Amino acid sequence: LRDFCNEIAANNIAERLAALLCWASTLEEVKGKIATLMFHMAKDTSLANRILRQDGAVKALVHLLDSENQTVNSSAAAALANITYWSTDPIARYTHVKVLCAV
């Protein structure tokens, strides 16, 4: 698992997935699959921190919570929960995200 996480970090996969989440023309189902990937990636603290630093990705995940597709909605909620749980970034502006996810 550590090698897999290192490979993701070395190739900026978290940032690339974040860009796809922010792209308006990306299908909602694809965004749901990306959220599932982020759910698993966020189990690694360094990757959770990298995802959290991508403001657009966090906002896109929050918007997916309103999806009518239950699978997409659940994937986004799970991803946000893991990101906020495993992240150790002390940046104050992310506190609102942690509060939102707790609710």
N, C-alpha and C. Protein backbone atom coordinates (compact mmCIF):
# COMPACT_ATOMS: atom_id res chain seq x y z
N LEU A 1 0.83 -1.20 0.00
CA LEU A 1 0.00 0.00 0.00
C LEU A 1 0.87 1.26 0.00
N ARG A 2 1.95 1.21 0.76
CA ARG A 2 2.84 2.38 0.83
C ARG A 2 3.42 2.70 -0.55
N ASP A 3 3.81 1.65 -1.31
CA ASP A 3 4.35 1.87 -2.65
C ASP A 3 3.30 2.48 -3.57
N PHE A 4 2.07 2.01 -3.44
CA PHE A 4 0.98 2.55 -4.24
C PHE A 4 0.76 4.03 -3.93
N CYS A 5 0.77 4.39 -2.65
CA CYS A 5 0.59 5.78 -2.25
C CYS A 5 1.75 6.65 -2.73
N ASN A 6 2.96 6.11 -2.66
CA ASN A 6 4.12 6.85 -3.17
C ASN A 6 4.00 7.10 -4.66
N GLU A 7 3.51 6.12 -5.39
CA GLU A 7 3.32 6.26 -6.85
C GLU A 7 2.28 7.33 -7.15
N ILE A 8 1.20 7.35 -6.39
CA ILE A 8 0.16 8.36 -6.57
C ILE A 8 0.73 9.75 -6.31
N ALA A 9 1.49 9.88 -5.24
CA ALA A 9 2.08 11.17 -4.89
C ALA A 9 3.10 11.62 -5.93
N ALA A 10 3.94 10.71 -6.39
CA ALA A 10 5.00 11.05 -7.34
C ALA A 10 4.45 11.51 -8.68
N ASN A 11 3.29 11.00 -9.07
CA ASN A 11 2.72 11.34 -10.37
C ASN A 11 1.58 12.36 -10.29
N ASN A 12 1.42 12.99 -9.13
CA ASN A 12 0.40 14.03 -8.93
C ASN A 12 -1.00 13.56 -9.30
N ILE A 13 -1.32 12.33 -8.98
CA ILE A 13 -2.63 11.77 -9.31
C ILE A 13 -3.73 12.49 -8.55
N ALA A 14 -3.51 12.83 -7.29
CA ALA A 14 -4.54 13.51 -6.50
C ALA A 14 -4.91 14.84 -7.15
N GLU A 15 -3.92 15.57 -7.61
CA GLU A 15 -4.17 16.86 -8.25
C GLU A 15 -4.88 16.70 -9.59
N ARG A 16 -4.52 15.66 -10.32
CA ARG A 16 -5.18 15.41 -11.61
C ARG A 16 -6.63 15.01 -11.43
N LEU A 17 -6.89 14.18 -10.43
CA LEU A 17 -8.28 13.79 -10.15
C LEU A 17 -9.08 15.00 -9.67
N ALA A 18 -8.44 15.86 -8.90
CA ALA A 18 -9.11 17.08 -8.43
C ALA A 18 -9.51 17.95 -9.62
N ALA A 19 -8.63 18.05 -10.60
CA ALA A 19 -8.94 18.84 -11.79
C ALA A 19 -10.14 18.26 -12.54
N LEU A 20 -10.21 16.93 -12.63
CA LEU A 20 -11.35 16.30 -13.30
C LEU A 20 -12.66 16.56 -12.54
N LEU A 21 -12.59 16.57 -11.22
CA LEU A 21 -13.78 16.85 -10.42
C LEU A 21 -14.30 18.26 -10.69
N CYS A 22 -13.40 19.18 -10.89
CA CYS A 22 -13.77 20.59 -11.09
C CYS A 22 -14.26 20.88 -12.50
N TRP A 23 -13.94 20.03 -13.43
CA TRP A 23 -14.29 20.25 -14.82
C TRP A 23 -15.79 20.06 -15.00
N ALA A 24 -16.47 21.08 -15.48
CA ALA A 24 -17.93 21.07 -15.57
C ALA A 24 -18.46 19.99 -16.51
N SER A 25 -17.71 19.64 -17.53
CA SER A 25 -18.22 18.68 -18.50
C SER A 25 -17.99 17.22 -18.10
N THR A 26 -17.36 17.00 -16.95
CA THR A 26 -17.18 15.63 -16.47
C THR A 26 -18.53 15.10 -16.00
N LEU A 27 -18.90 13.92 -16.46
CA LEU A 27 -20.18 13.33 -16.08
C LEU A 27 -20.25 13.08 -14.58
N GLU A 28 -21.44 13.20 -14.04
CA GLU A 28 -21.61 13.02 -12.60
C GLU A 28 -21.21 11.62 -12.15
N GLU A 29 -21.46 10.61 -12.97
CA GLU A 29 -21.08 9.24 -12.61
C GLU A 29 -19.57 9.10 -12.52
N VAL A 30 -18.86 9.79 -13.41
CA VAL A 30 -17.39 9.76 -13.38
C VAL A 30 -16.90 10.47 -12.12
N LYS A 31 -17.54 11.57 -11.78
CA LYS A 31 -17.17 12.28 -10.55
C LYS A 31 -17.40 11.39 -9.33
N GLY A 32 -18.45 10.58 -9.37
CA GLY A 32 -18.71 9.64 -8.28
C GLY A 32 -17.61 8.61 -8.15
N LYS A 33 -17.11 8.12 -9.29
CA LYS A 33 -16.02 7.15 -9.27
C LYS A 33 -14.72 7.80 -8.76
N ILE A 34 -14.50 9.06 -9.14
CA ILE A 34 -13.33 9.79 -8.64
C ILE A 34 -13.45 9.97 -7.13
N ALA A 35 -14.66 10.26 -6.66
CA ALA A 35 -14.88 10.39 -5.21
C ALA A 35 -14.55 9.09 -4.49
N THR A 36 -14.91 7.96 -5.11
CA THR A 36 -14.58 6.65 -4.52
C THR A 36 -13.06 6.47 -4.44
N LEU A 37 -12.36 6.85 -5.51
CA LEU A 37 -10.90 6.77 -5.49
C LEU A 37 -10.33 7.66 -4.38
N MET A 38 -10.87 8.86 -4.26
CA MET A 38 -10.38 9.78 -3.22
C MET A 38 -10.67 9.24 -1.83
N PHE A 39 -11.78 8.54 -1.68
CA PHE A 39 -12.11 7.90 -0.40
C PHE A 39 -10.98 6.96 0.01
N HIS A 40 -10.51 6.14 -0.94
CA HIS A 40 -9.45 5.19 -0.63
C HIS A 40 -8.10 5.88 -0.50
N MET A 41 -7.83 6.86 -1.35
CA MET A 41 -6.56 7.57 -1.29
C MET A 41 -6.41 8.32 0.03
N ALA A 42 -7.51 8.85 0.56
CA ALA A 42 -7.45 9.68 1.77
C ALA A 42 -7.11 8.89 3.01
N LYS A 43 -7.07 7.57 2.92
CA LYS A 43 -6.66 6.77 4.07
C LYS A 43 -5.18 6.95 4.39
N ASP A 44 -4.46 7.54 3.45
CA ASP A 44 -3.06 7.89 3.66
C ASP A 44 -3.02 9.38 4.02
N THR A 45 -2.44 9.71 5.16
CA THR A 45 -2.45 11.09 5.66
C THR A 45 -1.89 12.09 4.67
N SER A 46 -0.77 11.76 4.04
CA SER A 46 -0.17 12.73 3.10
C SER A 46 -1.07 12.96 1.90
N LEU A 47 -1.74 11.91 1.42
CA LEU A 47 -2.67 12.09 0.30
C LEU A 47 -3.92 12.83 0.73
N ALA A 48 -4.39 12.58 1.94
CA ALA A 48 -5.54 13.33 2.45
C ALA A 48 -5.22 14.83 2.51
N ASN A 49 -4.01 15.14 2.94
CA ASN A 49 -3.58 16.54 2.99
C ASN A 49 -3.50 17.15 1.60
N ARG A 50 -3.00 16.39 0.64
CA ARG A 50 -2.90 16.89 -0.73
C ARG A 50 -4.26 17.14 -1.33
N ILE A 51 -5.20 16.25 -1.08
CA ILE A 51 -6.56 16.43 -1.61
C ILE A 51 -7.21 17.65 -0.95
N LEU A 52 -7.03 17.79 0.34
CA LEU A 52 -7.64 18.91 1.06
C LEU A 52 -7.11 20.25 0.58
N ARG A 53 -5.87 20.29 0.15
CA ARG A 53 -5.30 21.53 -0.37
C ARG A 53 -5.89 21.94 -1.72
N GLN A 54 -6.56 21.02 -2.37
CA GLN A 54 -7.20 21.31 -3.66
C GLN A 54 -8.61 21.86 -3.39
N ASP A 55 -8.71 23.17 -3.23
CA ASP A 55 -9.98 23.79 -2.85
C ASP A 55 -11.11 23.41 -3.80
N GLY A 56 -10.82 23.39 -5.08
CA GLY A 56 -11.86 23.08 -6.05
C GLY A 56 -12.40 21.67 -5.89
N ALA A 57 -11.52 20.74 -5.55
CA ALA A 57 -11.95 19.35 -5.37
C ALA A 57 -12.87 19.23 -4.17
N VAL A 58 -12.53 19.90 -3.10
CA VAL A 58 -13.37 19.84 -1.90
C VAL A 58 -14.74 20.45 -2.19
N LYS A 59 -14.75 21.58 -2.89
CA LYS A 59 -16.02 22.22 -3.24
C LYS A 59 -16.84 21.32 -4.17
N ALA A 60 -16.17 20.68 -5.13
CA ALA A 60 -16.87 19.78 -6.05
C ALA A 60 -17.46 18.59 -5.30
N LEU A 61 -16.72 18.05 -4.34
CA LEU A 61 -17.25 16.94 -3.54
C LEU A 61 -18.46 17.39 -2.72
N VAL A 62 -18.40 18.59 -2.18
CA VAL A 62 -19.54 19.12 -1.42
C VAL A 62 -20.76 19.26 -2.33
N HIS A 63 -20.55 19.73 -3.56
CA HIS A 63 -21.66 19.87 -4.50
C HIS A 63 -22.25 18.50 -4.87
N LEU A 64 -21.42 17.48 -4.89
CA LEU A 64 -21.92 16.14 -5.21
C LEU A 64 -22.84 15.59 -4.11
N LEU A 65 -22.78 16.17 -2.94
CA LEU A 65 -23.68 15.74 -1.86
C LEU A 65 -25.14 15.99 -2.21
N ASP A 66 -25.38 16.93 -3.12
CA ASP A 66 -26.74 17.26 -3.55
C ASP A 66 -27.20 16.42 -4.75
N SER A 67 -26.38 15.51 -5.18
CA SER A 67 -26.70 14.70 -6.35
C SER A 67 -27.94 13.84 -6.10
N GLU A 68 -28.74 13.69 -7.13
CA GLU A 68 -29.90 12.81 -7.04
C GLU A 68 -29.50 11.34 -7.14
N ASN A 69 -28.32 11.09 -7.69
CA ASN A 69 -27.79 9.73 -7.79
C ASN A 69 -27.24 9.34 -6.42
N GLN A 70 -27.88 8.38 -5.78
CA GLN A 70 -27.52 7.98 -4.42
C GLN A 70 -26.09 7.45 -4.33
N THR A 71 -25.63 6.76 -5.35
CA THR A 71 -24.27 6.22 -5.34
C THR A 71 -23.25 7.35 -5.36
N VAL A 72 -23.47 8.33 -6.20
CA VAL A 72 -22.58 9.49 -6.29
C VAL A 72 -22.59 10.26 -4.97
N ASN A 73 -23.77 10.47 -4.44
CA ASN A 73 -23.95 11.18 -3.19
C ASN A 73 -23.18 10.48 -2.06
N SER A 74 -23.34 9.17 -1.96
CA SER A 74 -22.67 8.40 -0.91
C SER A 74 -21.15 8.40 -1.08
N SER A 75 -20.69 8.31 -2.31
CA SER A 75 -19.24 8.32 -2.57
C SER A 75 -18.63 9.65 -2.15
N ALA A 76 -19.31 10.73 -2.47
CA ALA A 76 -18.81 12.06 -2.10
C ALA A 76 -18.78 12.22 -0.58
N ALA A 77 -19.83 11.76 0.09
CA ALA A 77 -19.87 11.86 1.56
C ALA A 77 -18.75 11.04 2.19
N ALA A 78 -18.54 9.84 1.68
CA ALA A 78 -17.48 8.98 2.22
C ALA A 78 -16.11 9.58 1.98
N ALA A 79 -15.90 10.15 0.79
CA ALA A 79 -14.61 10.77 0.47
C ALA A 79 -14.35 11.95 1.40
N LEU A 80 -15.34 12.82 1.57
CA LEU A 80 -15.17 13.97 2.46
C LEU A 80 -14.91 13.53 3.89
N ALA A 81 -15.60 12.50 4.33
CA ALA A 81 -15.40 12.01 5.69
C ALA A 81 -13.97 11.51 5.88
N ASN A 82 -13.47 10.73 4.95
CA ASN A 82 -12.10 10.22 5.07
C ASN A 82 -11.07 11.33 4.96
N ILE A 83 -11.30 12.26 4.04
CA ILE A 83 -10.34 13.36 3.86
C ILE A 83 -10.22 14.15 5.14
N THR A 84 -11.34 14.49 5.74
CA THR A 84 -11.28 15.30 6.97
C THR A 84 -10.79 14.49 8.17
N TYR A 85 -11.07 13.20 8.19
CA TYR A 85 -10.62 12.37 9.31
C TYR A 85 -9.10 12.18 9.29
N TRP A 86 -8.55 11.87 8.12
CA TRP A 86 -7.13 11.52 8.04
C TRP A 86 -6.22 12.72 7.82
N SER A 87 -6.76 13.85 7.42
CA SER A 87 -5.94 15.03 7.18
C SER A 87 -5.37 15.57 8.49
N THR A 88 -4.14 16.01 8.43
CA THR A 88 -3.48 16.60 9.60
C THR A 88 -3.08 18.04 9.35
N ASP A 89 -3.48 18.61 8.21
CA ASP A 89 -3.14 19.99 7.90
C ASP A 89 -3.76 20.93 8.93
N PRO A 90 -2.95 21.79 9.52
CA PRO A 90 -3.48 22.71 10.54
C PRO A 90 -4.00 24.02 9.96
N ILE A 91 -4.24 24.06 8.66
CA ILE A 91 -4.64 25.31 8.01
C ILE A 91 -6.05 25.69 8.46
N ALA A 92 -6.20 26.88 8.99
CA ALA A 92 -7.46 27.31 9.61
C ALA A 92 -8.61 27.38 8.61
N ARG A 93 -8.34 27.72 7.35
CA ARG A 93 -9.45 27.87 6.40
C ARG A 93 -10.13 26.55 6.08
N TYR A 94 -9.56 25.43 6.46
CA TYR A 94 -10.20 24.14 6.21
C TYR A 94 -11.10 23.71 7.36
N THR A 95 -11.13 24.50 8.42
CA THR A 95 -11.97 24.15 9.56
C THR A 95 -13.43 24.08 9.17
N HIS A 96 -13.89 24.98 8.28
CA HIS A 96 -15.29 24.96 7.86
C HIS A 96 -15.63 23.67 7.12
N VAL A 97 -14.68 23.11 6.41
CA VAL A 97 -14.91 21.84 5.72
C VAL A 97 -15.08 20.73 6.75
N LYS A 98 -14.26 20.74 7.78
CA LYS A 98 -14.37 19.70 8.81
C LYS A 98 -15.71 19.80 9.55
N VAL A 99 -16.15 21.02 9.79
CA VAL A 99 -17.45 21.21 10.45
C VAL A 99 -18.57 20.72 9.53
N LEU A 100 -18.50 21.07 8.26
CA LEU A 100 -19.52 20.65 7.30
C LEU A 100 -19.59 19.12 7.22
N CYS A 101 -18.44 18.48 7.18
CA CYS A 101 -18.42 17.02 7.10
C CYS A 101 -18.93 16.37 8.38
N ALA A 102 -18.71 17.01 9.51
CA ALA A 102 -19.21 16.48 10.77
C ALA A 102 -20.73 16.52 10.81
N VAL A 103 -21.30 17.54 10.19
CA VAL A 103 -22.76 17.67 10.16
C VAL A 103 -23.31 16.61 9.24
